[in-house]
Amino acid sequence: MRRAANPTRKISITIPDRIFQELERTLSYSQSRSAYISSAIEAKLDGGSLPTITETSTVQLMAAILSRDDADEKLKDFILTFFS
């Protein structure tokens, strides 16, 4: 039996529903939730920098606006209406 060079481990985490919904809006159907979360954890542990605005998708930018407390409610309503 061949062993993986970088074995994985299954874990269970609990996150707020708001974060889960943002994650679902951010990822496309073909993107892996596990890969995204693993990459985010690795970047945080490595002290990696965040992507620049130009490297961030429109959906990710919209999700970021929706999560901000200082964003105008009319803008949030427009974004939610536009993407529904």
PDB file of N, CA and C in Angstrom:
ATOM      1  N   MET A   1       0.843  -1.177   0.000  1.00  0.00           N
ATOM      2  CA  MET A   1       0.000   0.000   0.000  1.00  0.00           C
ATOM      3  C   MET A   1       0.889   1.241   0.000  1.00  0.00           C
ATOM      4  N   ARG A   2       0.536   2.186  -0.827  1.00  0.00           N
ATOM      5  CA  ARG A   2       1.306   3.403  -0.968  1.00  0.00           C
ATOM      6  C   ARG A   2       0.773   4.475  -0.020  1.00  0.00           C
ATOM      7  N   ARG A   3       1.679   5.174   0.647  1.00  0.00           N
ATOM      8  CA  ARG A   3       1.262   6.240   1.561  1.00  0.00           C
ATOM      9  C   ARG A   3       1.335   7.592   0.872  1.00  0.00           C
ATOM     10  N   ALA A   4       0.429   8.458   1.228  1.00  0.00           N
ATOM     11  CA  ALA A   4       0.420   9.805   0.665  1.00  0.00           C
ATOM     12  C   ALA A   4       1.608  10.600   1.201  1.00  0.00           C
ATOM     13  N   ALA A   5       2.183  11.423   0.344  1.00  0.00           N
ATOM     14  CA  ALA A   5       3.313  12.252   0.756  1.00  0.00           C
ATOM     15  C   ALA A   5       2.877  13.289   1.787  1.00  0.00           C
ATOM     16  N   ASN A   6       1.649  13.737   1.676  1.00  0.00           N
ATOM     17  CA  ASN A   6       1.121  14.724   2.606  1.00  0.00           C
ATOM     18  C   ASN A   6      -0.273  14.262   3.044  1.00  0.00           C
ATOM     19  N   PRO A   7      -0.337  13.339   4.004  1.00  0.00           N
ATOM     20  CA  PRO A   7      -1.641  12.778   4.388  1.00  0.00           C
ATOM     21  C   PRO A   7      -2.576  13.844   4.965  1.00  0.00           C
ATOM     22  N   THR A   8      -3.851  13.617   4.824  1.00  0.00           N
ATOM     23  CA  THR A   8      -4.849  14.541   5.353  1.00  0.00           C
ATOM     24  C   THR A   8      -5.522  13.927   6.566  1.00  0.00           C
ATOM     25  N   ARG A   9      -6.199  14.761   7.317  1.00  0.00           N
ATOM     26  CA  ARG A   9      -6.913  14.305   8.499  1.00  0.00           C
ATOM     27  C   ARG A   9      -8.284  14.965   8.519  1.00  0.00           C
ATOM     28  N   LYS A  10      -9.298  14.184   8.750  1.00  0.00           N
ATOM     29  CA  LYS A  10     -10.663  14.688   8.815  1.00  0.00           C
ATOM     30  C   LYS A  10     -10.890  15.291  10.199  1.00  0.00           C
ATOM     31  N   ILE A  11     -11.433  16.522  10.219  1.00  0.00           N
ATOM     32  CA  ILE A  11     -11.776  17.170  11.484  1.00  0.00           C
ATOM     33  C   ILE A  11     -13.190  17.721  11.376  1.00  0.00           C
ATOM     34  N   SER A  12     -13.738  18.082  12.499  1.00  0.00           N
ATOM     35  CA  SER A  12     -15.051  18.705  12.529  1.00  0.00           C
ATOM     36  C   SER A  12     -14.903  20.049  13.231  1.00  0.00           C
ATOM     37  N   ILE A  13     -15.446  21.110  12.613  1.00  0.00           N
ATOM     38  CA  ILE A  13     -15.392  22.434  13.228  1.00  0.00           C
ATOM     39  C   ILE A  13     -16.786  23.034  13.244  1.00  0.00           C
ATOM     40  N   THR A  14     -16.969  24.004  14.100  1.00  0.00           N
ATOM     41  CA  THR A  14     -18.224  24.729  14.179  1.00  0.00           C
ATOM     42  C   THR A  14     -17.928  26.186  13.885  1.00  0.00           C
ATOM     43  N   ILE A  15     -18.655  26.757  12.928  1.00  0.00           N
ATOM     44  CA  ILE A  15     -18.482  28.166  12.581  1.00  0.00           C
ATOM     45  C   ILE A  15     -19.849  28.833  12.564  1.00  0.00           C
ATOM     46  N   PRO A  16     -19.873  30.141  12.764  1.00  0.00           N
ATOM     47  CA  PRO A  16     -21.159  30.844  12.698  1.00  0.00           C
ATOM     48  C   PRO A  16     -21.802  30.690  11.314  1.00  0.00           C
ATOM     49  N   ASP A  17     -23.123  30.641  11.288  1.00  0.00           N
ATOM     50  CA  ASP A  17     -23.858  30.467  10.038  1.00  0.00           C
ATOM     51  C   ASP A  17     -23.527  31.574   9.037  1.00  0.00           C
ATOM     52  N   ARG A  18     -23.347  32.797   9.511  1.00  0.00           N
ATOM     53  CA  ARG A  18     -23.022  33.922   8.640  1.00  0.00           C
ATOM     54  C   ARG A  18     -21.728  33.659   7.876  1.00  0.00           C
ATOM     55  N   ILE A  19     -20.720  33.137   8.552  1.00  0.00           N
ATOM     56  CA  ILE A  19     -19.442  32.839   7.896  1.00  0.00           C
ATOM     57  C   ILE A  19     -19.621  31.702   6.902  1.00  0.00           C
ATOM     58  N   PHE A  20     -20.393  30.696   7.276  1.00  0.00           N
ATOM     59  CA  PHE A  20     -20.647  29.580   6.358  1.00  0.00           C
ATOM     60  C   PHE A  20     -21.343  30.076   5.093  1.00  0.00           C
ATOM     61  N   GLN A  21     -22.337  30.941   5.252  1.00  0.00           N
ATOM     62  CA  GLN A  21     -23.066  31.463   4.088  1.00  0.00           C
ATOM     63  C   GLN A  21     -22.141  32.283   3.191  1.00  0.00           C
ATOM     64  N   GLU A  22     -21.253  33.072   3.792  1.00  0.00           N
ATOM     65  CA  GLU A  22     -20.293  33.852   3.006  1.00  0.00           C
ATOM     66  C   GLU A  22     -19.354  32.920   2.241  1.00  0.00           C
ATOM     67  N   LEU A  23     -18.925  31.864   2.907  1.00  0.00           N
ATOM     68  CA  LEU A  23     -18.044  30.888   2.259  1.00  0.00           C
ATOM     69  C   LEU A  23     -18.750  30.247   1.069  1.00  0.00           C
ATOM     70  N   GLU A  24     -19.999  29.881   1.249  1.00  0.00           N
ATOM     71  CA  GLU A  24     -20.768  29.265   0.166  1.00  0.00           C
ATOM     72  C   GLU A  24     -20.934  30.219  -1.015  1.00  0.00           C
ATOM     73  N   ARG A  25     -21.135  31.513  -0.727  1.00  0.00           N
ATOM     74  CA  ARG A  25     -21.268  32.509  -1.804  1.00  0.00           C
ATOM     75  C   ARG A  25     -19.936  32.741  -2.502  1.00  0.00           C
ATOM     76  N   THR A  26     -18.845  32.596  -1.766  1.00  0.00           N
ATOM     77  CA  THR A  26     -17.515  32.876  -2.298  1.00  0.00           C
ATOM     78  C   THR A  26     -17.028  31.778  -3.237  1.00  0.00           C
ATOM     79  N   LEU A  27     -17.273  30.531  -2.864  1.00  0.00           N
ATOM     80  CA  LEU A  27     -16.754  29.404  -3.643  1.00  0.00           C
ATOM     81  C   LEU A  27     -17.685  29.049  -4.804  1.00  0.00           C
ATOM     82  N   SER A  28     -17.085  28.664  -5.907  1.00  0.00           N
ATOM     83  CA  SER A  28     -17.882  28.170  -7.021  1.00  0.00           C
ATOM     84  C   SER A  28     -18.235  26.711  -6.741  1.00  0.00           C
ATOM     85  N   TYR A  29     -19.121  26.170  -7.557  1.00  0.00           N
ATOM     86  CA  TYR A  29     -19.566  24.789  -7.363  1.00  0.00           C
ATOM     87  C   TYR A  29     -18.402  23.799  -7.413  1.00  0.00           C
ATOM     88  N   SER A  30     -17.398  24.097  -8.222  1.00  0.00           N
ATOM     89  CA  SER A  30     -16.286  23.157  -8.411  1.00  0.00           C
ATOM     90  C   SER A  30     -15.147  23.340  -7.405  1.00  0.00           C
ATOM     91  N   GLN A  31     -15.209  24.390  -6.571  1.00  0.00           N
ATOM     92  CA  GLN A  31     -14.136  24.618  -5.603  1.00  0.00           C
ATOM     93  C   GLN A  31     -14.375  23.805  -4.331  1.00  0.00           C
ATOM     94  N   SER A  32     -13.279  23.369  -3.737  1.00  0.00           N
ATOM     95  CA  SER A  32     -13.339  22.550  -2.527  1.00  0.00           C
ATOM     96  C   SER A  32     -13.352  23.419  -1.277  1.00  0.00           C
ATOM     97  N   ARG A  33     -14.372  23.233  -0.439  1.00  0.00           N
ATOM     98  CA  ARG A  33     -14.454  23.919   0.842  1.00  0.00           C
ATOM     99  C   ARG A  33     -13.252  23.559   1.715  1.00  0.00           C
ATOM    100  N   SER A  34     -12.910  22.278   1.741  1.00  0.00           N
ATOM    101  CA  SER A  34     -11.782  21.819   2.558  1.00  0.00           C
ATOM    102  C   SER A  34     -10.475  22.447   2.113  1.00  0.00           C
ATOM    103  N   ALA A  35     -10.262  22.520   0.802  1.00  0.00           N
ATOM    104  CA  ALA A  35      -9.028  23.110   0.288  1.00  0.00           C
ATOM    105  C   ALA A  35      -8.961  24.595   0.629  1.00  0.00           C
ATOM    106  N   TYR A  36     -10.092  25.290   0.516  1.00  0.00           N
ATOM    107  CA  TYR A  36     -10.139  26.717   0.814  1.00  0.00           C
ATOM    108  C   TYR A  36      -9.818  26.969   2.283  1.00  0.00           C
ATOM    109  N   ILE A  37     -10.470  26.217   3.173  1.00  0.00           N
ATOM    110  CA  ILE A  37     -10.246  26.391   4.611  1.00  0.00           C
ATOM    111  C   ILE A  37      -8.825  25.999   4.985  1.00  0.00           C
ATOM    112  N   SER A  38      -8.324  24.913   4.421  1.00  0.00           N
ATOM    113  CA  SER A  38      -6.953  24.487   4.681  1.00  0.00           C
ATOM    114  C   SER A  38      -5.956  25.557   4.266  1.00  0.00           C
ATOM    115  N   SER A  39      -6.178  26.148   3.102  1.00  0.00           N
ATOM    116  CA  SER A  39      -5.308  27.206   2.599  1.00  0.00           C
ATOM    117  C   SER A  39      -5.365  28.436   3.510  1.00  0.00           C
ATOM    118  N   ALA A  40      -6.561  28.785   3.982  1.00  0.00           N
ATOM    119  CA  ALA A  40      -6.716  29.935   4.874  1.00  0.00           C
ATOM    120  C   ALA A  40      -5.997  29.701   6.199  1.00  0.00           C
ATOM    121  N   ILE A  41      -6.102  28.492   6.743  1.00  0.00           N
ATOM    122  CA  ILE A  41      -5.417  28.159   7.995  1.00  0.00           C
ATOM    123  C   ILE A  41      -3.912  28.219   7.799  1.00  0.00           C
ATOM    124  N   GLU A  42      -3.445  27.637   6.709  1.00  0.00           N
ATOM    125  CA  GLU A  42      -2.010  27.637   6.422  1.00  0.00           C
ATOM    126  C   GLU A  42      -1.478  29.063   6.273  1.00  0.00           C
ATOM    127  N   ALA A  43      -2.208  29.917   5.569  1.00  0.00           N
ATOM    128  CA  ALA A  43      -1.787  31.307   5.398  1.00  0.00           C
ATOM    129  C   ALA A  43      -1.730  32.027   6.741  1.00  0.00           C
ATOM    130  N   LYS A  44      -2.719  31.770   7.594  1.00  0.00           N
ATOM    131  CA  LYS A  44      -2.753  32.402   8.915  1.00  0.00           C
ATOM    132  C   LYS A  44      -1.582  31.926   9.770  1.00  0.00           C
ATOM    133  N   LEU A  45      -1.308  30.627   9.747  1.00  0.00           N
ATOM    134  CA  LEU A  45      -0.208  30.076  10.542  1.00  0.00           C
ATOM    135  C   LEU A  45       1.153  30.542  10.041  1.00  0.00           C
ATOM    136  N   ASP A  46       1.266  30.720   8.728  1.00  0.00           N
ATOM    137  CA  ASP A  46       2.531  31.165   8.129  1.00  0.00           C
ATOM    138  C   ASP A  46       2.696  32.678   8.198  1.00  0.00           C
ATOM    139  N   GLY A  47       1.663  33.372   8.654  1.00  0.00           N
ATOM    140  CA  GLY A  47       1.718  34.821   8.692  1.00  0.00           C
ATOM    141  C   GLY A  47       1.648  35.424   7.299  1.00  0.00           C
ATOM    142  N   GLY A  48       1.077  34.636   6.367  1.00  0.00           N
ATOM    143  CA  GLY A  48       0.993  35.075   4.974  1.00  0.00           C
ATOM    144  C   GLY A  48       0.132  36.303   4.807  1.00  0.00           C
ATOM    145  N   SER A  49       0.380  36.990   3.734  1.00  0.00           N
ATOM    146  CA  SER A  49      -0.383  38.199   3.455  1.00  0.00           C
ATOM    147  C   SER A  49      -1.711  37.843   2.802  1.00  0.00           C
ATOM    148  N   LEU A  50      -2.638  38.753   2.912  1.00  0.00           N
ATOM    149  CA  LEU A  50      -3.943  38.576   2.294  1.00  0.00           C
ATOM    150  C   LEU A  50      -3.856  38.938   0.817  1.00  0.00           C
ATOM    151  N   PRO A  51      -4.757  38.398  -0.001  1.00  0.00           N
ATOM    152  CA  PRO A  51      -4.733  38.745  -1.422  1.00  0.00           C
ATOM    153  C   PRO A  51      -5.040  40.233  -1.619  1.00  0.00           C
ATOM    154  N   THR A  52      -4.524  40.787  -2.694  1.00  0.00           N
ATOM    155  CA  THR A  52      -4.805  42.189  -3.013  1.00  0.00           C
ATOM    156  C   THR A  52      -6.211  42.291  -3.586  1.00  0.00           C
ATOM    157  N   ILE A  53      -6.688  43.509  -3.708  1.00  0.00           N
ATOM    158  CA  ILE A  53      -8.022  43.744  -4.275  1.00  0.00           C
ATOM    159  C   ILE A  53      -8.125  43.152  -5.676  1.00  0.00           C
ATOM    160  N   THR A  54      -7.103  43.316  -6.479  1.00  0.00           N
ATOM    161  CA  THR A  54      -7.157  42.814  -7.856  1.00  0.00           C
ATOM    162  C   THR A  54      -7.128  41.299  -7.924  1.00  0.00           C
ATOM    163  N   GLU A  55      -6.638  40.639  -6.880  1.00  0.00           N
ATOM    164  CA  GLU A  55      -6.600  39.178  -6.842  1.00  0.00           C
ATOM    165  C   GLU A  55      -7.898  38.590  -6.279  1.00  0.00           C
ATOM    166  N   THR A  56      -8.758  39.433  -5.757  1.00  0.00           N
ATOM    167  CA  THR A  56      -9.987  38.996  -5.111  1.00  0.00           C
ATOM    168  C   THR A  56     -11.142  39.027  -6.115  1.00  0.00           C
ATOM    169  N   SER A  57     -11.946  37.964  -6.106  1.00  0.00           N
ATOM    170  CA  SER A  57     -13.079  37.915  -7.042  1.00  0.00           C
ATOM    171  C   SER A  57     -14.166  38.902  -6.622  1.00  0.00           C
ATOM    172  N   THR A  58     -15.022  39.243  -7.566  1.00  0.00           N
ATOM    173  CA  THR A  58     -16.134  40.154  -7.291  1.00  0.00           C
ATOM    174  C   THR A  58     -17.040  39.587  -6.203  1.00  0.00           C
ATOM    175  N   VAL A  59     -17.306  38.294  -6.261  1.00  0.00           N
ATOM    176  CA  VAL A  59     -18.171  37.671  -5.256  1.00  0.00           C
ATOM    177  C   VAL A  59     -17.524  37.773  -3.870  1.00  0.00           C
ATOM    178  N   GLN A  60     -16.211  37.577  -3.793  1.00  0.00           N
ATOM    179  CA  GLN A  60     -15.515  37.710  -2.511  1.00  0.00           C
ATOM    180  C   GLN A  60     -15.586  39.145  -1.989  1.00  0.00           C
ATOM    181  N   LEU A  61     -15.450  40.118  -2.892  1.00  0.00           N
ATOM    182  CA  LEU A  61     -15.552  41.515  -2.482  1.00  0.00           C
ATOM    183  C   LEU A  61     -16.952  41.829  -1.965  1.00  0.00           C
ATOM    184  N   MET A  62     -17.972  41.325  -2.654  1.00  0.00           N
ATOM    185  CA  MET A  62     -19.349  41.556  -2.223  1.00  0.00           C
ATOM    186  C   MET A  62     -19.601  40.905  -0.858  1.00  0.00           C
ATOM    187  N   ALA A  63     -19.069  39.701  -0.651  1.00  0.00           N
ATOM    188  CA  ALA A  63     -19.224  39.027   0.640  1.00  0.00           C
ATOM    189  C   ALA A  63     -18.538  39.823   1.744  1.00  0.00           C
ATOM    190  N   ALA A  64     -17.401  40.416   1.425  1.00  0.00           N
ATOM    191  CA  ALA A  64     -16.691  41.234   2.414  1.00  0.00           C
ATOM    192  C   ALA A  64     -17.513  42.461   2.784  1.00  0.00           C
ATOM    193  N   ILE A  65     -18.134  43.093   1.792  1.00  0.00           N
ATOM    194  CA  ILE A  65     -18.975  44.258   2.071  1.00  0.00           C
ATOM    195  C   ILE A  65     -20.157  43.863   2.949  1.00  0.00           C
ATOM    196  N   LEU A  66     -20.778  42.722   2.641  1.00  0.00           N
ATOM    197  CA  LEU A  66     -21.923  42.266   3.430  1.00  0.00           C
ATOM    198  C   LEU A  66     -21.555  41.992   4.883  1.00  0.00           C
ATOM    199  N   SER A  67     -20.314  41.612   5.138  1.00  0.00           N
ATOM    200  CA  SER A  67     -19.915  41.269   6.504  1.00  0.00           C
ATOM    201  C   SER A  67     -19.466  42.483   7.318  1.00  0.00           C
ATOM    202  N   ARG A  68     -19.305  43.625   6.661  1.00  0.00           N
ATOM    203  CA  ARG A  68     -18.826  44.820   7.366  1.00  0.00           C
ATOM    204  C   ARG A  68     -19.966  45.519   8.105  1.00  0.00           C
ATOM    205  N   ASP A  69     -19.664  45.990   9.313  1.00  0.00           N
ATOM    206  CA  ASP A  69     -20.655  46.727  10.100  1.00  0.00           C
ATOM    207  C   ASP A  69     -20.840  48.154   9.595  1.00  0.00           C
ATOM    208  N   ASP A  70     -19.822  48.704   8.930  1.00  0.00           N
ATOM    209  CA  ASP A  70     -19.897  50.091   8.487  1.00  0.00           C
ATOM    210  C   ASP A  70     -20.448  50.257   7.069  1.00  0.00           C
ATOM    211  N   ALA A  71     -20.845  49.169   6.433  1.00  0.00           N
ATOM    212  CA  ALA A  71     -21.405  49.255   5.077  1.00  0.00           C
ATOM    213  C   ALA A  71     -22.859  49.713   5.144  1.00  0.00           C
ATOM    214  N   ASP A  72     -23.235  50.551   4.205  1.00  0.00           N
ATOM    215  CA  ASP A  72     -24.587  51.083   4.127  1.00  0.00           C
ATOM    216  C   ASP A  72     -25.593  49.941   3.905  1.00  0.00           C
ATOM    217  N   GLU A  73     -26.697  49.989   4.621  1.00  0.00           N
ATOM    218  CA  GLU A  73     -27.717  48.930   4.509  1.00  0.00           C
ATOM    219  C   GLU A  73     -28.347  48.875   3.113  1.00  0.00           C
ATOM    220  N   LYS A  74     -28.482  50.018   2.465  1.00  0.00           N
ATOM    221  CA  LYS A  74     -29.035  50.033   1.100  1.00  0.00           C
ATOM    222  C   LYS A  74     -28.099  49.307   0.140  1.00  0.00           C
ATOM    223  N   LEU A  75     -26.803  49.495   0.326  1.00  0.00           N
ATOM    224  CA  LEU A  75     -25.823  48.792  -0.505  1.00  0.00           C
ATOM    225  C   LEU A  75     -25.910  47.287  -0.260  1.00  0.00           C
ATOM    226  N   LYS A  76     -26.029  46.892   0.997  1.00  0.00           N
ATOM    227  CA  LYS A  76     -26.153  45.468   1.332  1.00  0.00           C
ATOM    228  C   LYS A  76     -27.408  44.874   0.696  1.00  0.00           C
ATOM    229  N   ASP A  77     -28.523  45.599   0.785  1.00  0.00           N
ATOM    230  CA  ASP A  77     -29.773  45.130   0.169  1.00  0.00           C
ATOM    231  C   ASP A  77     -29.622  44.977  -1.336  1.00  0.00           C
ATOM    232  N   PHE A  78     -28.956  45.948  -1.971  1.00  0.00           N
ATOM    233  CA  PHE A  78     -28.732  45.879  -3.413  1.00  0.00           C
ATOM    234  C   PHE A  78     -27.906  44.654  -3.780  1.00  0.00           C
ATOM    235  N   ILE A  79     -26.834  44.414  -3.029  1.00  0.00           N
ATOM    236  CA  ILE A  79     -25.963  43.260  -3.307  1.00  0.00           C
ATOM    237  C   ILE A  79     -26.751  41.967  -3.164  1.00  0.00           C
ATOM    238  N   LEU A  80     -27.505  41.837  -2.089  1.00  0.00           N
ATOM    239  CA  LEU A  80     -28.288  40.617  -1.865  1.00  0.00           C
ATOM    240  C   LEU A  80     -29.334  40.436  -2.959  1.00  0.00           C
ATOM    241  N   THR A  81     -29.963  41.508  -3.398  1.00  0.00           N
ATOM    242  CA  THR A  81     -30.963  41.434  -4.461  1.00  0.00           C
ATOM    243  C   THR A  81     -30.296  41.057  -5.777  1.00  0.00           C
ATOM    244  N   PHE A  82     -29.161  41.685  -6.067  1.00  0.00           N
ATOM    245  CA  PHE A  82     -28.453  41.449  -7.321  1.00  0.00           C
ATOM    246  C   PHE A  82     -27.989  40.002  -7.454  1.00  0.00           C
ATOM    247  N   PHE A  83     -27.507  39.418  -6.347  1.00  0.00           N
ATOM    248  CA  PHE A  83     -26.962  38.058  -6.402  1.00  0.00           C
ATOM    249  C   PHE A  83     -27.991  36.979  -6.091  1.00  0.00           C
ATOM    250  N   SER A  84     -29.267  37.357  -5.871  1.00  0.00           N
ATOM    251  CA  SER A  84     -30.263  36.313  -5.621  1.00  0.00           C
ATOM    252  C   SER A  84     -30.971  35.915  -6.883  1.00  0.00           C
TER     253      SER A  84
END
